[in-house]
Amino acid sequence: MKKNLGAIPAVYPMPVLMVAAYDENEKVNVMNVAWGQICDNDKIILFIGEGKKTWLNIKASKAFTVAIADETHMDVADFFGIASGNKMDDKFERTGYHAVKSDKVHAPIIEEFPVAMECELLDILDTEHVSGIVGKIVNVKAEEAVLSENGKVDPMKLHALMFDQFQNGYYTTGEKVGMAWNAGAELMKK
């Protein structure tokens, strides 16, 4: 029997995304975003509250990067979620991490995170119930160490972090248990 848990954000897993943008002085700011998702083949949506430092930077610069946080960099990824760029002027510098300018969009790529999407701002959603950033993914960069033999990102090598809203925990991707568009194929034959 199911037990009532109340109104909680009960989607699992949630990605741990590092969203980076420049401010008006080319200063790097990064925030941890769990509420984000691919919304088309070349688009991503990030649900970022209006007024956050990164939200303001993206609005002004019209570009951003989204890195997939991994187990090796969990401490800094968590810090980027705890610390506010509006309150801590040296947030990025405290980590000792390094940023390089994207050659595709006007945004920083954080070198330590193994996969980064370079995005152009398409739209800002600002309604009574949602604040979101929609970006066009113009390129993805990935370290060779996380690529499979076919040149694609391998989840088993990436060790991407997943956020669990139920227990407030971080987990990593696990073993492959099936193939998409194949596991349910037998039911199509009925």
C-alpha atoms as a PDB file:
ATOM      1  CA  MET A   1       0.000   0.000   0.000  1.00  0.00           C
ATOM      2  CA  LYS A   2       1.258   3.480  -0.825  1.00  0.00           C
ATOM      3  CA  LYS A   3       1.739   6.009   1.973  1.00  0.00           C
ATOM      4  CA  ASN A   4       0.927   9.714   1.553  1.00  0.00           C
ATOM      5  CA  LEU A   5       4.132  11.784   1.584  1.00  0.00           C
ATOM      6  CA  GLY A   6       2.627  15.197   0.911  1.00  0.00           C
ATOM      7  CA  ALA A   7       3.422  17.629  -1.877  1.00  0.00           C
ATOM      8  CA  ILE A   8       7.110  17.103  -2.639  1.00  0.00           C
ATOM      9  CA  PRO A   9       9.081  17.302  -5.905  1.00  0.00           C
ATOM     10  CA  ALA A  10       9.087  13.539  -6.433  1.00  0.00           C
ATOM     11  CA  VAL A  11      10.949  13.180  -9.713  1.00  0.00           C
ATOM     12  CA  TYR A  12      13.998  10.955  -9.568  1.00  0.00           C
ATOM     13  CA  PRO A  13      16.666  11.113 -10.756  1.00  0.00           C
ATOM     14  CA  MET A  14      17.346  14.794 -11.305  1.00  0.00           C
ATOM     15  CA  PRO A  15      20.493  15.926 -13.111  1.00  0.00           C
ATOM     16  CA  VAL A  16      23.229  17.903 -11.390  1.00  0.00           C
ATOM     17  CA  LEU A  17      24.018  20.617 -13.910  1.00  0.00           C
ATOM     18  CA  MET A  18      26.655  23.330 -13.607  1.00  0.00           C
ATOM     19  CA  VAL A  19      25.388  26.425 -15.400  1.00  0.00           C
ATOM     20  CA  ALA A  20      28.017  29.071 -16.148  1.00  0.00           C
ATOM     21  CA  ALA A  21      27.818  32.569 -17.609  1.00  0.00           C
ATOM     22  CA  TYR A  22      29.832  35.778 -17.687  1.00  0.00           C
ATOM     23  CA  ASP A  23      28.722  38.963 -15.991  1.00  0.00           C
ATOM     24  CA  GLU A  24      29.115  42.401 -17.559  1.00  0.00           C
ATOM     25  CA  ASN A  25      32.816  42.437 -16.527  1.00  0.00           C
ATOM     26  CA  GLU A  26      33.545  38.959 -17.980  1.00  0.00           C
ATOM     27  CA  LYS A  27      33.627  37.489 -14.453  1.00  0.00           C
ATOM     28  CA  VAL A  28      32.654  33.805 -14.274  1.00  0.00           C
ATOM     29  CA  ASN A  29      29.676  32.696 -12.224  1.00  0.00           C
ATOM     30  CA  VAL A  30      28.502  29.101 -11.884  1.00  0.00           C
ATOM     31  CA  MET A  31      25.414  27.682 -10.208  1.00  0.00           C
ATOM     32  CA  ASN A  32      24.169  24.163  -9.506  1.00  0.00           C
ATOM     33  CA  VAL A  33      20.816  23.472 -11.192  1.00  0.00           C
ATOM     34  CA  ALA A  34      18.910  20.233 -10.618  1.00  0.00           C
ATOM     35  CA  TRP A  35      15.723  21.436 -12.282  1.00  0.00           C
ATOM     36  CA  GLY A  36      16.763  21.267 -15.922  1.00  0.00           C
ATOM     37  CA  GLN A  37      16.001  19.064 -18.892  1.00  0.00           C
ATOM     38  CA  ILE A  38      16.428  18.601 -22.622  1.00  0.00           C
ATOM     39  CA  CYS A  39      13.272  19.956 -24.295  1.00  0.00           C
ATOM     40  CA  ASP A  40      14.048  19.249 -27.977  1.00  0.00           C
ATOM     41  CA  ASN A  41      16.922  17.707 -29.943  1.00  0.00           C
ATOM     42  CA  ASP A  42      18.926  20.922 -29.692  1.00  0.00           C
ATOM     43  CA  LYS A  43      17.294  22.734 -26.758  1.00  0.00           C
ATOM     44  CA  ILE A  44      17.612  22.722 -22.990  1.00  0.00           C
ATOM     45  CA  ILE A  45      15.410  24.323 -20.355  1.00  0.00           C
ATOM     46  CA  LEU A  46      16.702  25.357 -16.947  1.00  0.00           C
ATOM     47  CA  PHE A  47      14.319  26.373 -14.211  1.00  0.00           C
ATOM     48  CA  ILE A  48      16.301  29.147 -12.531  1.00  0.00           C
ATOM     49  CA  GLY A  49      14.688  31.694 -10.270  1.00  0.00           C
ATOM     50  CA  GLU A  50      14.566  35.256 -11.542  1.00  0.00           C
ATOM     51  CA  GLY A  51      17.197  37.445  -9.908  1.00  0.00           C
ATOM     52  CA  LYS A  52      19.785  34.708  -9.338  1.00  0.00           C
ATOM     53  CA  LYS A  53      23.245  35.900 -10.385  1.00  0.00           C
ATOM     54  CA  THR A  54      23.498  33.344 -13.162  1.00  0.00           C
ATOM     55  CA  TRP A  55      19.982  34.191 -14.385  1.00  0.00           C
ATOM     56  CA  LEU A  56      20.962  37.884 -14.570  1.00  0.00           C
ATOM     57  CA  ASN A  57      24.214  37.039 -16.363  1.00  0.00           C
ATOM     58  CA  ILE A  58      22.483  34.837 -18.939  1.00  0.00           C
ATOM     59  CA  LYS A  59      19.852  37.500 -19.558  1.00  0.00           C
ATOM     60  CA  ALA A  60      22.585  40.086 -20.208  1.00  0.00           C
ATOM     61  CA  SER A  61      25.116  37.948 -22.124  1.00  0.00           C
ATOM     62  CA  LYS A  62      22.588  35.856 -24.107  1.00  0.00           C
ATOM     63  CA  ALA A  63      24.724  32.723 -23.682  1.00  0.00           C
ATOM     64  CA  PHE A  64      25.691  30.064 -21.142  1.00  0.00           C
ATOM     65  CA  THR A  65      27.266  26.651 -20.744  1.00  0.00           C
ATOM     66  CA  VAL A  66      25.849  23.630 -18.980  1.00  0.00           C
ATOM     67  CA  ALA A  67      28.266  21.051 -17.602  1.00  0.00           C
ATOM     68  CA  ILE A  68      27.302  17.662 -16.254  1.00  0.00           C
ATOM     69  CA  ALA A  69      28.665  17.324 -12.729  1.00  0.00           C
ATOM     70  CA  ASP A  70      30.492  14.108 -11.953  1.00  0.00           C
ATOM     71  CA  GLU A  71      31.445  12.188  -8.813  1.00  0.00           C
ATOM     72  CA  THR A  72      35.053  13.415  -8.829  1.00  0.00           C
ATOM     73  CA  HIS A  73      33.896  17.040  -8.571  1.00  0.00           C
ATOM     74  CA  MET A  74      30.936  16.561  -6.211  1.00  0.00           C
ATOM     75  CA  ASP A  75      32.283  18.885  -3.491  1.00  0.00           C
ATOM     76  CA  VAL A  76      32.616  21.864  -5.825  1.00  0.00           C
ATOM     77  CA  ALA A  77      29.322  21.067  -7.567  1.00  0.00           C
ATOM     78  CA  ASP A  78      27.594  21.131  -4.183  1.00  0.00           C
ATOM     79  CA  PHE A  79      29.363  24.378  -3.245  1.00  0.00           C
ATOM     80  CA  PHE A  80      28.045  25.984  -6.437  1.00  0.00           C
ATOM     81  CA  GLY A  81      24.571  25.143  -5.143  1.00  0.00           C
ATOM     82  CA  ILE A  82      25.151  26.362  -1.591  1.00  0.00           C
ATOM     83  CA  ALA A  83      26.872  29.674  -2.332  1.00  0.00           C
ATOM     84  CA  SER A  84      25.083  32.618  -3.942  1.00  0.00           C
ATOM     85  CA  GLY A  85      26.896  34.711  -6.531  1.00  0.00           C
ATOM     86  CA  ASN A  86      24.757  37.652  -5.399  1.00  0.00           C
ATOM     87  CA  LYS A  87      26.264  37.384  -1.893  1.00  0.00           C
ATOM     88  CA  MET A  88      29.759  35.981  -2.532  1.00  0.00           C
ATOM     89  CA  ASP A  89      31.886  37.970  -4.977  1.00  0.00           C
ATOM     90  CA  ASP A  90      34.674  35.365  -5.152  1.00  0.00           C
ATOM     91  CA  LYS A  91      32.457  32.282  -5.454  1.00  0.00           C
ATOM     92  CA  PHE A  92      34.178  30.815  -8.526  1.00  0.00           C
ATOM     93  CA  GLU A  93      37.675  31.833  -7.435  1.00  0.00           C
ATOM     94  CA  ARG A  94      37.316  30.026  -4.073  1.00  0.00           C
ATOM     95  CA  THR A  95      37.148  26.687  -5.867  1.00  0.00           C
ATOM     96  CA  GLY A  96      40.504  27.005  -7.622  1.00  0.00           C
ATOM     97  CA  TYR A  97      38.790  25.765 -10.783  1.00  0.00           C
ATOM     98  CA  HIS A  98      39.610  27.064 -14.249  1.00  0.00           C
ATOM     99  CA  ALA A  99      37.433  28.508 -16.994  1.00  0.00           C
ATOM    100  CA  VAL A 100      38.136  28.990 -20.681  1.00  0.00           C
ATOM    101  CA  LYS A 101      36.034  31.017 -23.070  1.00  0.00           C
ATOM    102  CA  SER A 102      33.873  28.962 -25.388  1.00  0.00           C
ATOM    103  CA  ASP A 103      34.744  29.331 -29.040  1.00  0.00           C
ATOM    104  CA  LYS A 104      31.056  28.841 -29.953  1.00  0.00           C
ATOM    105  CA  VAL A 105      29.174  31.166 -27.564  1.00  0.00           C
ATOM    106  CA  HIS A 106      30.004  34.046 -25.235  1.00  0.00           C
ATOM    107  CA  ALA A 107      30.224  31.932 -22.065  1.00  0.00           C
ATOM    108  CA  PRO A 108      32.827  30.168 -19.915  1.00  0.00           C
ATOM    109  CA  ILE A 109      33.538  26.445 -19.984  1.00  0.00           C
ATOM    110  CA  ILE A 110      34.622  25.050 -16.624  1.00  0.00           C
ATOM    111  CA  GLU A 111      37.606  22.868 -17.451  1.00  0.00           C
ATOM    112  CA  GLU A 112      37.267  20.437 -14.552  1.00  0.00           C
ATOM    113  CA  PHE A 113      33.811  19.129 -15.511  1.00  0.00           C
ATOM    114  CA  PRO A 114      34.165  16.505 -18.288  1.00  0.00           C
ATOM    115  CA  VAL A 115      31.114  17.359 -20.451  1.00  0.00           C
ATOM    116  CA  ALA A 116      29.864  20.831 -21.363  1.00  0.00           C
ATOM    117  CA  MET A 117      27.051  22.059 -23.592  1.00  0.00           C
ATOM    118  CA  GLU A 118      27.563  25.473 -25.217  1.00  0.00           C
ATOM    119  CA  CYS A 119      24.236  27.293 -25.460  1.00  0.00           C
ATOM    120  CA  GLU A 120      22.722  30.450 -26.919  1.00  0.00           C
ATOM    121  CA  LEU A 121      19.816  32.014 -25.057  1.00  0.00           C
ATOM    122  CA  LEU A 122      16.543  31.503 -26.949  1.00  0.00           C
ATOM    123  CA  ASP A 123      13.916  32.565 -24.449  1.00  0.00           C
ATOM    124  CA  ILE A 124      13.239  33.515 -20.853  1.00  0.00           C
ATOM    125  CA  LEU A 125      10.000  32.182 -19.413  1.00  0.00           C
ATOM    126  CA  ASP A 126       8.643  34.321 -16.613  1.00  0.00           C
ATOM    127  CA  THR A 127       5.101  33.569 -15.544  1.00  0.00           C
ATOM    128  CA  GLU A 128       3.258  33.481 -12.250  1.00  0.00           C
ATOM    129  CA  HIS A 129       4.262  29.824 -11.832  1.00  0.00           C
ATOM    130  CA  VAL A 130       7.576  29.308 -13.610  1.00  0.00           C
ATOM    131  CA  SER A 131      10.868  31.028 -14.332  1.00  0.00           C
ATOM    132  CA  GLY A 132      12.961  29.331 -16.956  1.00  0.00           C
ATOM    133  CA  ILE A 133      15.824  29.778 -19.377  1.00  0.00           C
ATOM    134  CA  VAL A 134      15.582  28.082 -22.772  1.00  0.00           C
ATOM    135  CA  GLY A 135      18.808  27.630 -24.668  1.00  0.00           C
ATOM    136  CA  LYS A 136      19.837  26.300 -28.056  1.00  0.00           C
ATOM    137  CA  ILE A 137      22.649  23.761 -27.741  1.00  0.00           C
ATOM    138  CA  VAL A 138      25.146  24.753 -30.426  1.00  0.00           C
ATOM    139  CA  ASN A 139      27.909  22.331 -29.416  1.00  0.00           C
ATOM    140  CA  VAL A 140      28.912  19.740 -26.832  1.00  0.00           C
ATOM    141  CA  LYS A 141      32.496  19.285 -25.687  1.00  0.00           C
ATOM    142  CA  ALA A 142      33.626  16.147 -23.829  1.00  0.00           C
ATOM    143  CA  GLU A 143      36.902  14.885 -22.435  1.00  0.00           C
ATOM    144  CA  GLU A 144      38.160  11.850 -24.334  1.00  0.00           C
ATOM    145  CA  ALA A 145      38.358   9.930 -21.037  1.00  0.00           C
ATOM    146  CA  VAL A 146      34.536   9.787 -20.821  1.00  0.00           C
ATOM    147  CA  LEU A 147      33.940   8.703 -24.427  1.00  0.00           C
ATOM    148  CA  SER A 148      33.170   5.171 -25.559  1.00  0.00           C
ATOM    149  CA  GLU A 149      34.738   3.512 -28.588  1.00  0.00           C
ATOM    150  CA  ASN A 150      31.984   4.982 -30.792  1.00  0.00           C
ATOM    151  CA  GLY A 151      32.921   8.538 -29.749  1.00  0.00           C
ATOM    152  CA  LYS A 152      29.846   9.151 -27.587  1.00  0.00           C
ATOM    153  CA  VAL A 153      29.687   9.948 -23.869  1.00  0.00           C
ATOM    154  CA  ASP A 154      29.695   6.712 -21.860  1.00  0.00           C
ATOM    155  CA  PRO A 155      27.652   6.985 -18.630  1.00  0.00           C
ATOM    156  CA  MET A 156      29.803   4.272 -17.037  1.00  0.00           C
ATOM    157  CA  LYS A 157      32.912   6.407 -17.577  1.00  0.00           C
ATOM    158  CA  LEU A 158      31.288   9.751 -16.801  1.00  0.00           C
ATOM    159  CA  HIS A 159      29.965   8.871 -13.322  1.00  0.00           C
ATOM    160  CA  ALA A 160      27.443  11.699 -13.638  1.00  0.00           C
ATOM    161  CA  LEU A 161      25.835  12.900 -10.441  1.00  0.00           C
ATOM    162  CA  MET A 162      22.117  12.561  -9.884  1.00  0.00           C
ATOM    163  CA  PHE A 163      20.266  14.504  -7.191  1.00  0.00           C
ATOM    164  CA  ASP A 164      17.700  12.789  -5.001  1.00  0.00           C
ATOM    165  CA  GLN A 165      15.058  15.180  -3.653  1.00  0.00           C
ATOM    166  CA  PHE A 166      13.705  12.492  -1.289  1.00  0.00           C
ATOM    167  CA  GLN A 167      16.868  12.072   0.809  1.00  0.00           C
ATOM    168  CA  ASN A 168      18.852  15.128  -0.371  1.00  0.00           C
ATOM    169  CA  GLY A 169      21.560  12.812  -1.657  1.00  0.00           C
ATOM    170  CA  TYR A 170      23.888  12.615  -4.609  1.00  0.00           C
ATOM    171  CA  TYR A 171      24.171   9.348  -6.506  1.00  0.00           C
ATOM    172  CA  THR A 172      26.031   8.306  -9.634  1.00  0.00           C
ATOM    173  CA  THR A 173      24.838   6.563 -12.733  1.00  0.00           C
ATOM    174  CA  GLY A 174      24.795   2.795 -12.405  1.00  0.00           C
ATOM    175  CA  GLU A 175      24.971  -0.200 -14.639  1.00  0.00           C
ATOM    176  CA  LYS A 176      23.196  -0.435 -17.968  1.00  0.00           C
ATOM    177  CA  VAL A 177      20.074  -2.579 -17.591  1.00  0.00           C
ATOM    178  CA  GLY A 178      18.489  -2.382 -21.041  1.00  0.00           C
ATOM    179  CA  MET A 179      18.248  -0.653 -24.390  1.00  0.00           C
ATOM    180  CA  ALA A 180      15.843   2.214 -25.029  1.00  0.00           C
ATOM    181  CA  TRP A 181      13.349   1.641 -27.857  1.00  0.00           C
ATOM    182  CA  ASN A 182      14.015  -2.081 -27.433  1.00  0.00           C
ATOM    183  CA  ALA A 183      13.130  -3.184 -23.894  1.00  0.00           C
ATOM    184  CA  GLY A 184       9.394  -2.850 -24.610  1.00  0.00           C
ATOM    185  CA  ALA A 185       9.469  -4.059 -28.224  1.00  0.00           C
ATOM    186  CA  GLU A 186       7.788  -7.396 -27.462  1.00  0.00           C
ATOM    187  CA  LEU A 187       4.677  -5.587 -26.246  1.00  0.00           C
ATOM    188  CA  MET A 188       4.382  -3.939 -29.684  1.00  0.00           C
ATOM    189  CA  LYS A 189       3.755  -7.390 -31.195  1.00  0.00           C
ATOM    190  CA  LYS A 190       0.588  -8.054 -29.170  1.00  0.00           C
END
